[in-house]
Amino acid sequence: MTIELRPLGVRCNIACHYCYQNAIREADNVARSYDMDAMKAALEREGGAFSLFGGEPLLVPKADLEELWRWGFERYGHSSVQTNGVLIDEDHIRMFKAYRVHVGISIDGPGELNDVRWTVSLEKTRRATQKTEAAIEALCREGIPPGLIVTLHRANATAEKLPILARWFHDLDKMGVSRSRLHILESDSPEIERRHALSVAENIEAFLYLARFEEELERIRFDLFSDMKGMLMGDERGTACVWQPCDPYTTLAVRGIEGNGQSTNCGRTNKDGIDFRKAEAPGFERVLALYQTPEEFDGCKGCRFFLMCKGQCPGTSDRGDWRNRSAHCEVWKALYAHFEERLRRQGLQPISSSPIRYMLERQIVEGWEQNRNTAMCTILEGLRQETQLHAGAVAKLRARASRA
C-alpha cells in the first residue's frame, strides 16, 4: 500500500501534454492551500510511511517540506517524494539525506525525448529537462540515486528514438540508477493520443526492445518486466498496483490524503475532474465482471493471463469506463506471452499454461465473491505444505510397512 500525501493537489510547475491529472486542472479543482495539522492527523490514521505527491510536491515551501519529512522520519524512519525534478536544489538534497527521503523522478529521456513534458515553450521545456537531468546527476553523486518513471510515446520510443533512449539508460546505469518504471502513455484526450501515443505494434516493439536491452545493464531493472515474470510464476509480492484487483472507489493500493486531510483515491481513476472521497468498504465488482464478460464485450473471459493482469488498472480502462478491461490489453497480452515463453525455455512452468490455473482461478474468484482477496502465492504455498505433509505421511507408512 502507498500513502500519497498531496498538499497542493495537482498543482504543477510544468504542463505535460498527456498528464492524467489534466481533467482535474481543467475543472479548476486545484488546491491553493493546505493544513499541516489536518494532514498529519490523516497520516497518523493511515499509520505508515508516506510519499509526497502532486502535481509537483516541491512547490510546497521548503520550511513545510522539511517539517513533513522530519515528522515522517521521526515516526516511520523514512518517506519518499515523486517529482519532475526541475525544482531540486542543494537544500532539497540536504533534506533528502537528513530525513531518508527516497526520490522518484518522472522524466521521459534526455533533451528532445522529454519534450512532451511541456513547459510553456520549447526553449523553457528544454531548460526544464536540463535541470531534471542535472538533478539526477547530483543525486547520484550524493549517493542517493533516484528511481525513475518513464512514459513511452512518439517522442522517445519510436524505432529511431529507442537507441537514444537506450544510451541514456546505459549512462544512468553507470551513474548508479537501479530502478525504472515504464508506462504506456495514458490520456483521456483523443487528440493527445493521436499526436503522441504509440500504436499497439510500436508499444510492443518498444517494450520488447527494452526487455532485451535490460540484459546489457549492470544495475537498472525495469520493474514492469520483473512484475510480469513474477505474476506468471504466481508470486505477486511487491508487484505494482496495476496488476492487483483494484476497486476504483477505494483503490486499496493507494491511500490518498489531500491538503485538507481528506482521504481520496488514486488519481488515475479520476475521469470527470473530481477527486471523489474514498468509499468505506472495498469491493471486487470490476474483476468479477471482467472474469465473466466475453472479450468481444470488453471483458476478460477465458484469457489465460487473467490472474496475472485482472484487466489491469481501471484508470486505463477502455473508453474511460472502469467496467472495461484496459485499453492496452493487446500490448499486455503480447508481453505476457513473450515472458511466458522465456520462462518455459528456462524449464519453468508459468501459471498461465499450467493445469493448476483453473483451480487458482476458482479459489480466487470465490474469495472475491465473499469480498476477500487471496494472493496466488498464498494458495500455492498452502498447496506446497499439503504436498510436503502428504509426502511425509507416505514415507512414514512405507517405513512402517518395511519393518512389519
Foldseek 3Di string as FASTA:
>chain_A
DAEEEEQFAAAAQFDQPQDLLVLLVVVVVTRDGFDLVLQVVLCVVVPEAHEYEHNARVVPDPVVVLVVLVVSCVRHVEHEYEHQQLPDDPSNLVSCVVRVYAYEHEAAAAAQLRCSRGRPDSVVSNVSRVNNVVRQLVCLVVVRHHEYEHEDKDRAQAPVRLVRRLVRVQVSLVSPHAEYEYHFRHHLDPVCCVVIGDDLVSLLVRVVVVVVSVVVGDGYDHLVLVCLLCVQAQHNPPHDLQQPLADLQARVVYWYAYRHNFTFHPSLLDDNSDGDGRDPADARVQLLLLCPDDVVVQHCHPQLCCNRRSLTDLSQAPSSGSSGRGPSVSSVSSSSVVSCVVCVVVVDHTLSPDPCVVVLVVVQSVQNVVVHGDGSVVVVVVVVVVVVVVVVVVVVVVVVVVVD
